[in-house]
N, C-alpha and C. Protein backbone atom coordinates (compact mmCIF):
# COMPACT_ATOMS: atom_id res chain seq x y z
N MET A 1 174.44 -81.08 -105.10
CA MET A 1 173.33 -81.83 -104.55
C MET A 1 172.65 -82.60 -105.69
N LYS A 2 172.43 -83.87 -105.47
CA LYS A 2 171.78 -84.73 -106.46
C LYS A 2 170.27 -84.68 -106.22
N ALA A 3 169.52 -84.23 -107.24
CA ALA A 3 168.08 -84.02 -107.07
C ALA A 3 167.29 -84.66 -108.21
N ILE A 4 166.04 -85.00 -107.89
CA ILE A 4 165.09 -85.51 -108.88
C ILE A 4 163.76 -84.81 -108.67
N VAL A 5 163.07 -84.55 -109.78
CA VAL A 5 161.72 -83.97 -109.74
C VAL A 5 160.78 -85.02 -110.31
N ILE A 6 159.76 -85.37 -109.52
CA ILE A 6 158.78 -86.36 -109.94
C ILE A 6 157.42 -85.69 -110.07
N GLY A 7 156.86 -85.77 -111.26
CA GLY A 7 155.52 -85.25 -111.50
C GLY A 7 154.53 -86.39 -111.43
N VAL A 8 153.47 -86.19 -110.67
CA VAL A 8 152.47 -87.23 -110.48
C VAL A 8 151.14 -86.74 -111.06
N GLY A 9 150.45 -87.62 -111.77
CA GLY A 9 149.13 -87.26 -112.28
C GLY A 9 148.89 -87.73 -113.70
N ASN A 10 147.62 -87.76 -114.07
CA ASN A 10 147.21 -88.26 -115.38
C ASN A 10 146.85 -87.10 -116.30
N PRO A 11 147.67 -86.84 -117.32
CA PRO A 11 147.40 -85.73 -118.24
C PRO A 11 146.07 -85.86 -118.99
N SER A 12 145.51 -87.05 -119.07
CA SER A 12 144.22 -87.25 -119.74
C SER A 12 143.05 -86.73 -118.91
N PHE A 13 143.31 -86.42 -117.64
CA PHE A 13 142.25 -85.97 -116.73
C PHE A 13 142.39 -84.48 -116.42
N GLY A 14 142.63 -83.68 -117.43
CA GLY A 14 142.68 -82.23 -117.26
C GLY A 14 143.72 -81.78 -116.27
N ASP A 15 143.30 -81.06 -115.24
CA ASP A 15 144.22 -80.47 -114.28
C ASP A 15 145.02 -81.49 -113.48
N ASP A 16 144.59 -82.74 -113.46
CA ASP A 16 145.36 -83.77 -112.77
C ASP A 16 146.73 -83.95 -113.42
N GLY A 17 146.90 -83.47 -114.63
CA GLY A 17 148.17 -83.58 -115.34
C GLY A 17 149.16 -82.48 -115.02
N ALA A 18 148.90 -81.66 -114.02
CA ALA A 18 149.79 -80.54 -113.68
C ALA A 18 151.21 -81.02 -113.38
N GLY A 19 151.35 -82.07 -112.59
CA GLY A 19 152.68 -82.58 -112.24
C GLY A 19 153.45 -83.05 -113.46
N ALA A 20 152.75 -83.71 -114.37
CA ALA A 20 153.37 -84.18 -115.61
C ALA A 20 153.87 -83.01 -116.45
N GLU A 21 153.10 -81.94 -116.47
CA GLU A 21 153.48 -80.77 -117.26
C GLU A 21 154.71 -80.09 -116.68
N VAL A 22 154.81 -80.03 -115.35
CA VAL A 22 155.99 -79.42 -114.72
C VAL A 22 157.25 -80.20 -115.08
N VAL A 23 157.21 -81.54 -114.98
CA VAL A 23 158.42 -82.30 -115.32
C VAL A 23 158.76 -82.20 -116.80
N LYS A 24 157.75 -82.08 -117.64
CA LYS A 24 157.99 -81.89 -119.07
C LYS A 24 158.78 -80.59 -119.30
N GLU A 25 158.40 -79.55 -118.56
CA GLU A 25 159.08 -78.25 -118.68
C GLU A 25 160.52 -78.30 -118.16
N LEU A 26 160.80 -79.21 -117.22
CA LEU A 26 162.13 -79.28 -116.59
C LEU A 26 163.04 -80.33 -117.22
N LYS A 27 162.51 -81.11 -118.13
CA LYS A 27 163.29 -82.19 -118.73
C LYS A 27 164.59 -81.65 -119.34
N GLY A 28 165.69 -82.32 -119.05
CA GLY A 28 166.99 -81.91 -119.57
C GLY A 28 167.75 -80.99 -118.63
N LYS A 29 167.06 -80.41 -117.65
CA LYS A 29 167.71 -79.52 -116.68
C LYS A 29 168.04 -80.24 -115.39
N VAL A 30 167.28 -81.29 -115.09
CA VAL A 30 167.40 -82.04 -113.84
C VAL A 30 166.82 -83.43 -114.10
N ALA A 31 167.17 -84.40 -113.27
CA ALA A 31 166.56 -85.73 -113.40
C ALA A 31 165.06 -85.60 -113.15
N THR A 32 164.26 -86.18 -114.04
CA THR A 32 162.80 -86.10 -113.90
C THR A 32 162.18 -87.47 -114.11
N CYS A 33 160.95 -87.57 -113.65
CA CYS A 33 160.19 -88.80 -113.79
C CYS A 33 158.71 -88.44 -113.73
N HIS A 34 157.89 -89.13 -114.50
CA HIS A 34 156.45 -88.93 -114.44
C HIS A 34 155.78 -90.24 -114.04
N LEU A 35 154.90 -90.16 -113.05
CA LEU A 35 154.11 -91.32 -112.62
C LEU A 35 152.64 -90.94 -112.65
N LEU A 36 151.79 -91.88 -113.02
CA LEU A 36 150.35 -91.59 -113.08
C LEU A 36 149.73 -91.41 -111.69
N SER A 37 150.29 -92.09 -110.68
CA SER A 37 149.75 -91.96 -109.32
C SER A 37 150.88 -92.14 -108.31
N PRO A 38 150.65 -91.70 -107.07
CA PRO A 38 151.71 -91.80 -106.05
C PRO A 38 151.83 -93.22 -105.51
N SER A 39 152.46 -94.07 -106.28
CA SER A 39 152.62 -95.47 -105.88
C SER A 39 153.94 -95.65 -105.15
N LEU A 40 154.14 -96.84 -104.65
CA LEU A 40 155.40 -97.15 -103.97
C LEU A 40 156.58 -97.09 -104.93
N GLU A 41 156.31 -97.00 -106.23
CA GLU A 41 157.38 -96.83 -107.22
C GLU A 41 158.19 -95.56 -106.94
N ILE A 42 157.56 -94.58 -106.32
CA ILE A 42 158.28 -93.34 -105.97
C ILE A 42 159.51 -93.68 -105.14
N LEU A 43 159.39 -94.64 -104.23
CA LEU A 43 160.50 -94.99 -103.36
C LEU A 43 161.69 -95.51 -104.16
N GLU A 44 161.42 -96.25 -105.20
CA GLU A 44 162.50 -96.74 -106.07
C GLU A 44 163.13 -95.59 -106.84
N ARG A 45 162.30 -94.67 -107.29
CA ARG A 45 162.78 -93.55 -108.11
C ARG A 45 163.64 -92.56 -107.32
N VAL A 46 163.38 -92.39 -106.02
CA VAL A 46 164.10 -91.38 -105.23
C VAL A 46 165.37 -91.93 -104.58
N LYS A 47 165.59 -93.24 -104.68
CA LYS A 47 166.78 -93.86 -104.08
C LYS A 47 168.05 -93.16 -104.54
N GLY A 48 168.91 -92.85 -103.58
CA GLY A 48 170.22 -92.29 -103.91
C GLY A 48 170.25 -90.80 -104.17
N TYR A 49 169.11 -90.14 -104.11
CA TYR A 49 169.08 -88.69 -104.31
C TYR A 49 169.12 -87.99 -102.96
N ASP A 50 169.71 -86.79 -102.94
CA ASP A 50 169.74 -85.97 -101.72
C ASP A 50 168.43 -85.23 -101.52
N LEU A 51 167.80 -84.87 -102.63
CA LEU A 51 166.55 -84.10 -102.60
C LEU A 51 165.60 -84.64 -103.65
N ALA A 52 164.35 -84.79 -103.26
CA ALA A 52 163.29 -85.16 -104.21
C ALA A 52 162.21 -84.11 -104.13
N VAL A 53 161.80 -83.60 -105.28
CA VAL A 53 160.69 -82.65 -105.36
C VAL A 53 159.56 -83.39 -106.06
N LEU A 54 158.42 -83.49 -105.36
CA LEU A 54 157.25 -84.17 -105.89
C LEU A 54 156.19 -83.13 -106.22
N VAL A 55 155.69 -83.15 -107.44
CA VAL A 55 154.70 -82.17 -107.88
C VAL A 55 153.43 -82.93 -108.26
N ASP A 56 152.29 -82.48 -107.72
CA ASP A 56 151.04 -83.17 -107.97
C ASP A 56 149.88 -82.18 -107.91
N ALA A 57 148.77 -82.56 -108.50
CA ALA A 57 147.53 -81.81 -108.38
C ALA A 57 146.93 -82.09 -107.02
N VAL A 58 146.31 -81.08 -106.42
CA VAL A 58 145.63 -81.26 -105.13
C VAL A 58 144.24 -80.65 -105.22
N ASP A 59 143.39 -81.07 -104.31
CA ASP A 59 142.06 -80.47 -104.19
C ASP A 59 141.83 -80.22 -102.70
N VAL A 60 142.29 -79.05 -102.26
CA VAL A 60 142.22 -78.70 -100.83
C VAL A 60 141.35 -77.47 -100.59
N GLY A 61 140.51 -77.13 -101.56
CA GLY A 61 139.57 -76.04 -101.38
C GLY A 61 140.13 -74.65 -101.60
N LEU A 62 141.29 -74.54 -102.22
CA LEU A 62 141.86 -73.23 -102.54
C LEU A 62 141.32 -72.75 -103.88
N LYS A 63 141.72 -71.55 -104.28
CA LYS A 63 141.36 -71.07 -105.61
C LYS A 63 142.13 -71.88 -106.64
N PRO A 64 141.51 -72.18 -107.78
CA PRO A 64 142.22 -72.92 -108.82
C PRO A 64 143.56 -72.25 -109.17
N GLY A 65 144.59 -73.07 -109.23
CA GLY A 65 145.92 -72.57 -109.56
C GLY A 65 146.76 -72.16 -108.36
N GLU A 66 146.15 -72.11 -107.17
CA GLU A 66 146.96 -71.78 -105.99
C GLU A 66 147.92 -72.92 -105.71
N ILE A 67 149.06 -72.56 -105.12
CA ILE A 67 150.15 -73.51 -104.91
C ILE A 67 150.39 -73.71 -103.42
N VAL A 68 150.58 -74.97 -103.02
CA VAL A 68 150.95 -75.29 -101.64
C VAL A 68 152.29 -76.02 -101.67
N GLU A 69 153.07 -75.83 -100.62
CA GLU A 69 154.39 -76.47 -100.55
C GLU A 69 154.63 -76.97 -99.13
N PHE A 70 155.10 -78.21 -99.03
CA PHE A 70 155.44 -78.83 -97.75
C PHE A 70 156.80 -79.48 -97.90
N SER A 71 157.52 -79.61 -96.82
CA SER A 71 158.78 -80.36 -96.90
C SER A 71 158.86 -81.37 -95.77
N VAL A 72 159.57 -82.44 -96.04
CA VAL A 72 159.79 -83.51 -95.08
C VAL A 72 161.28 -83.80 -95.08
N GLU A 73 161.87 -83.87 -93.90
CA GLU A 73 163.29 -84.19 -93.80
C GLU A 73 163.47 -85.45 -92.98
N LYS A 74 164.52 -86.17 -93.28
CA LYS A 74 164.82 -87.39 -92.53
C LYS A 74 164.84 -87.11 -91.05
N GLY A 75 164.12 -87.91 -90.28
CA GLY A 75 164.17 -87.80 -88.84
C GLY A 75 163.35 -86.67 -88.25
N ARG A 76 162.62 -85.93 -89.06
CA ARG A 76 161.81 -84.83 -88.55
C ARG A 76 160.34 -85.18 -88.69
N ASN A 77 159.50 -84.42 -88.00
CA ASN A 77 158.06 -84.64 -88.11
C ASN A 77 157.62 -84.49 -89.55
N ARG A 78 156.75 -85.34 -89.95
CA ARG A 78 156.24 -85.29 -91.32
C ARG A 78 154.92 -84.54 -91.34
N GLU A 79 154.81 -83.60 -92.27
CA GLU A 79 153.56 -82.85 -92.41
C GLU A 79 152.58 -83.67 -93.23
N ARG A 80 151.32 -83.34 -93.11
CA ARG A 80 150.29 -84.08 -93.86
C ARG A 80 150.21 -83.57 -95.29
N PHE A 81 150.13 -84.48 -96.19
CA PHE A 81 150.00 -84.17 -97.61
C PHE A 81 148.55 -84.42 -98.01
N GLY A 82 147.60 -83.83 -97.35
CA GLY A 82 146.19 -84.08 -97.60
C GLY A 82 145.72 -83.49 -98.91
N GLY A 83 144.56 -83.94 -99.36
CA GLY A 83 143.91 -83.34 -100.52
C GLY A 83 144.43 -83.78 -101.86
N LEU A 84 145.23 -84.83 -101.89
CA LEU A 84 145.72 -85.29 -103.18
C LEU A 84 144.57 -85.87 -103.99
N THR A 85 144.78 -85.95 -105.28
CA THR A 85 143.72 -86.43 -106.15
C THR A 85 143.88 -87.92 -106.46
N HIS A 86 144.50 -88.67 -105.55
CA HIS A 86 144.73 -90.10 -105.73
C HIS A 86 144.33 -90.84 -104.46
N SER A 87 144.12 -92.15 -104.56
CA SER A 87 143.68 -92.92 -103.39
C SER A 87 144.82 -93.20 -102.41
N LEU A 88 146.02 -93.46 -102.88
CA LEU A 88 147.17 -93.65 -102.00
C LEU A 88 147.80 -92.28 -101.80
N SER A 89 147.91 -91.86 -100.55
CA SER A 89 148.41 -90.50 -100.32
C SER A 89 149.93 -90.44 -100.40
N MET A 90 150.41 -89.26 -100.76
CA MET A 90 151.84 -89.02 -100.81
C MET A 90 152.45 -89.22 -99.42
N GLU A 91 151.69 -88.82 -98.41
CA GLU A 91 152.16 -88.99 -97.02
C GLU A 91 152.44 -90.46 -96.73
N GLU A 92 151.54 -91.33 -97.15
CA GLU A 92 151.72 -92.77 -96.91
C GLU A 92 152.96 -93.30 -97.62
N VAL A 93 153.17 -92.87 -98.84
CA VAL A 93 154.32 -93.32 -99.61
C VAL A 93 155.62 -92.86 -98.95
N ILE A 94 155.71 -91.57 -98.65
CA ILE A 94 156.94 -91.01 -98.08
C ILE A 94 157.21 -91.58 -96.69
N THR A 95 156.19 -91.65 -95.86
CA THR A 95 156.36 -92.21 -94.51
C THR A 95 156.84 -93.66 -94.59
N THR A 96 156.26 -94.43 -95.48
CA THR A 96 156.69 -95.81 -95.68
C THR A 96 158.16 -95.87 -96.09
N GLY A 97 158.55 -94.99 -96.98
CA GLY A 97 159.94 -94.95 -97.42
C GLY A 97 160.91 -94.67 -96.29
N TYR A 98 160.60 -93.68 -95.46
CA TYR A 98 161.49 -93.36 -94.34
C TYR A 98 161.53 -94.48 -93.30
N GLU A 99 160.43 -95.21 -93.16
CA GLU A 99 160.40 -96.31 -92.19
C GLU A 99 161.14 -97.55 -92.72
N LEU A 100 160.96 -97.87 -94.00
CA LEU A 100 161.55 -99.09 -94.55
C LEU A 100 162.95 -98.91 -95.12
N PHE A 101 163.23 -97.75 -95.67
CA PHE A 101 164.50 -97.53 -96.37
C PHE A 101 165.17 -96.23 -95.94
N PRO A 102 165.39 -96.03 -94.64
CA PRO A 102 165.93 -94.74 -94.19
C PRO A 102 167.29 -94.41 -94.78
N GLU A 103 168.08 -95.43 -95.10
CA GLU A 103 169.43 -95.18 -95.61
C GLU A 103 169.44 -94.75 -97.08
N THR A 104 168.39 -95.05 -97.83
CA THR A 104 168.39 -94.69 -99.25
C THR A 104 167.42 -93.57 -99.60
N MET A 105 166.59 -93.17 -98.64
CA MET A 105 165.65 -92.07 -98.90
C MET A 105 166.41 -90.74 -98.94
N PRO A 106 165.92 -89.78 -99.72
CA PRO A 106 166.55 -88.47 -99.75
C PRO A 106 166.54 -87.82 -98.37
N LYS A 107 167.54 -86.98 -98.13
CA LYS A 107 167.57 -86.25 -96.86
C LYS A 107 166.34 -85.35 -96.74
N LYS A 108 165.87 -84.86 -97.88
CA LYS A 108 164.73 -83.95 -97.88
C LYS A 108 163.81 -84.26 -99.05
N VAL A 109 162.51 -84.21 -98.79
CA VAL A 109 161.49 -84.35 -99.83
C VAL A 109 160.61 -83.11 -99.77
N ILE A 110 160.47 -82.45 -100.90
CA ILE A 110 159.61 -81.28 -100.99
C ILE A 110 158.41 -81.65 -101.85
N PHE A 111 157.23 -81.36 -101.35
CA PHE A 111 156.01 -81.60 -102.10
C PHE A 111 155.42 -80.26 -102.51
N ILE A 112 155.11 -80.12 -103.78
CA ILE A 112 154.45 -78.92 -104.29
C ILE A 112 153.14 -79.36 -104.93
N GLY A 113 152.05 -78.80 -104.44
CA GLY A 113 150.73 -79.13 -104.96
C GLY A 113 150.10 -77.94 -105.67
N ILE A 114 149.39 -78.22 -106.73
CA ILE A 114 148.67 -77.19 -107.49
C ILE A 114 147.18 -77.49 -107.38
N GLN A 115 146.43 -76.51 -106.87
CA GLN A 115 144.98 -76.67 -106.72
C GLN A 115 144.32 -76.80 -108.10
N VAL A 116 143.54 -77.86 -108.26
CA VAL A 116 142.85 -78.10 -109.53
C VAL A 116 141.61 -77.21 -109.66
N LYS A 117 141.22 -76.97 -110.89
CA LYS A 117 139.93 -76.33 -111.16
C LYS A 117 138.92 -77.43 -111.47
N GLU A 118 139.32 -78.32 -112.37
CA GLU A 118 138.45 -79.43 -112.73
C GLU A 118 139.29 -80.62 -113.21
N MET A 119 138.74 -81.78 -113.00
CA MET A 119 139.37 -83.01 -113.48
C MET A 119 138.30 -83.84 -114.15
N SER A 120 138.30 -83.81 -115.45
CA SER A 120 137.31 -84.57 -116.21
C SER A 120 138.03 -85.63 -117.01
N PRO A 121 137.50 -86.85 -116.99
CA PRO A 121 138.14 -87.91 -117.78
C PRO A 121 138.26 -87.51 -119.24
N PHE A 122 139.44 -87.73 -119.77
CA PHE A 122 139.74 -87.52 -121.18
C PHE A 122 139.60 -86.07 -121.64
N LYS A 123 139.65 -85.14 -120.69
CA LYS A 123 139.65 -83.72 -121.05
C LYS A 123 140.96 -83.37 -121.74
N GLY A 124 142.07 -83.86 -121.17
CA GLY A 124 143.36 -83.75 -121.84
C GLY A 124 144.04 -82.41 -121.87
N LYS A 125 143.48 -81.38 -121.25
CA LYS A 125 144.21 -80.11 -121.20
C LYS A 125 144.00 -79.44 -119.86
N LEU A 126 144.97 -78.62 -119.50
CA LEU A 126 144.93 -77.91 -118.22
C LEU A 126 144.07 -76.67 -118.32
N SER A 127 143.43 -76.31 -117.22
CA SER A 127 142.71 -75.04 -117.16
C SER A 127 143.73 -73.90 -117.22
N SER A 128 143.29 -72.71 -117.58
CA SER A 128 144.22 -71.58 -117.68
C SER A 128 144.87 -71.26 -116.34
N GLU A 129 144.11 -71.42 -115.25
CA GLU A 129 144.66 -71.14 -113.91
C GLU A 129 145.79 -72.11 -113.56
N VAL A 130 145.59 -73.37 -113.88
CA VAL A 130 146.61 -74.38 -113.57
C VAL A 130 147.81 -74.23 -114.50
N LYS A 131 147.58 -73.85 -115.76
CA LYS A 131 148.68 -73.59 -116.70
C LYS A 131 149.61 -72.52 -116.15
N LYS A 132 149.03 -71.44 -115.63
CA LYS A 132 149.84 -70.36 -115.04
C LYS A 132 150.60 -70.86 -113.82
N ALA A 133 149.96 -71.70 -113.02
CA ALA A 133 150.60 -72.26 -111.82
C ALA A 133 151.77 -73.18 -112.21
N VAL A 134 151.63 -73.92 -113.29
CA VAL A 134 152.71 -74.80 -113.75
C VAL A 134 153.97 -73.99 -114.01
N LYS A 135 153.82 -72.84 -114.64
CA LYS A 135 154.97 -71.96 -114.91
C LYS A 135 155.61 -71.50 -113.60
N LYS A 136 154.78 -71.11 -112.63
CA LYS A 136 155.29 -70.66 -111.34
C LYS A 136 156.00 -71.79 -110.60
N VAL A 137 155.44 -72.99 -110.65
CA VAL A 137 156.05 -74.14 -109.98
C VAL A 137 157.38 -74.48 -110.64
N LYS A 138 157.43 -74.44 -111.96
CA LYS A 138 158.69 -74.68 -112.67
C LYS A 138 159.75 -73.71 -112.18
N GLU A 139 159.39 -72.43 -112.09
CA GLU A 139 160.33 -71.42 -111.61
C GLU A 139 160.73 -71.67 -110.16
N ARG A 140 159.79 -72.11 -109.33
CA ARG A 140 160.09 -72.41 -107.93
C ARG A 140 161.06 -73.58 -107.82
N VAL A 141 160.86 -74.61 -108.62
CA VAL A 141 161.76 -75.76 -108.61
C VAL A 141 163.16 -75.33 -109.08
N GLU A 142 163.22 -74.53 -110.11
CA GLU A 142 164.52 -74.03 -110.58
C GLU A 142 165.22 -73.24 -109.48
N GLU A 143 164.46 -72.47 -108.72
CA GLU A 143 165.02 -71.71 -107.60
C GLU A 143 165.52 -72.66 -106.50
N LEU A 144 164.71 -73.65 -106.15
CA LEU A 144 165.10 -74.62 -105.11
C LEU A 144 166.38 -75.37 -105.48
N LEU A 145 166.53 -75.66 -106.76
CA LEU A 145 167.66 -76.47 -107.23
C LEU A 145 168.80 -75.63 -107.80
N ASN A 146 168.67 -74.32 -107.72
CA ASN A 146 169.68 -73.40 -108.27
C ASN A 146 169.99 -73.70 -109.74
N LEU A 147 168.94 -73.85 -110.54
CA LEU A 147 169.12 -74.13 -111.97
C LEU A 147 169.18 -72.84 -112.76
């Protein structure tokens, strides 16, 4: 199975950099990519892959470091990717991809979100809770991809 892991978020904004940290940990084991925000560029990056795993910081009112996971498959109902820390939602990007490019979108997209503790401009480091979650998410991705 051809897979890519995309980490979304700005490492300069503390916990918002969780996705970037996960892909840094996975570099060399699987195709990876880091984007500052969930832009339509994701659609270009996932072209031709069977599976895309998207990792991002979320703010959905959970305890800091808690992890949420959703999946979307071609032709199936799409779950809501609410609580992202960006203005363009992951749901909008993925839904647009399936509508405009159904033949090149991955058969499955898995979204993994890590609840932030704080996001301060130019903080530049993850909270201890999110650091622990990054390790767990890395292990979960390795499990999903049989690495």
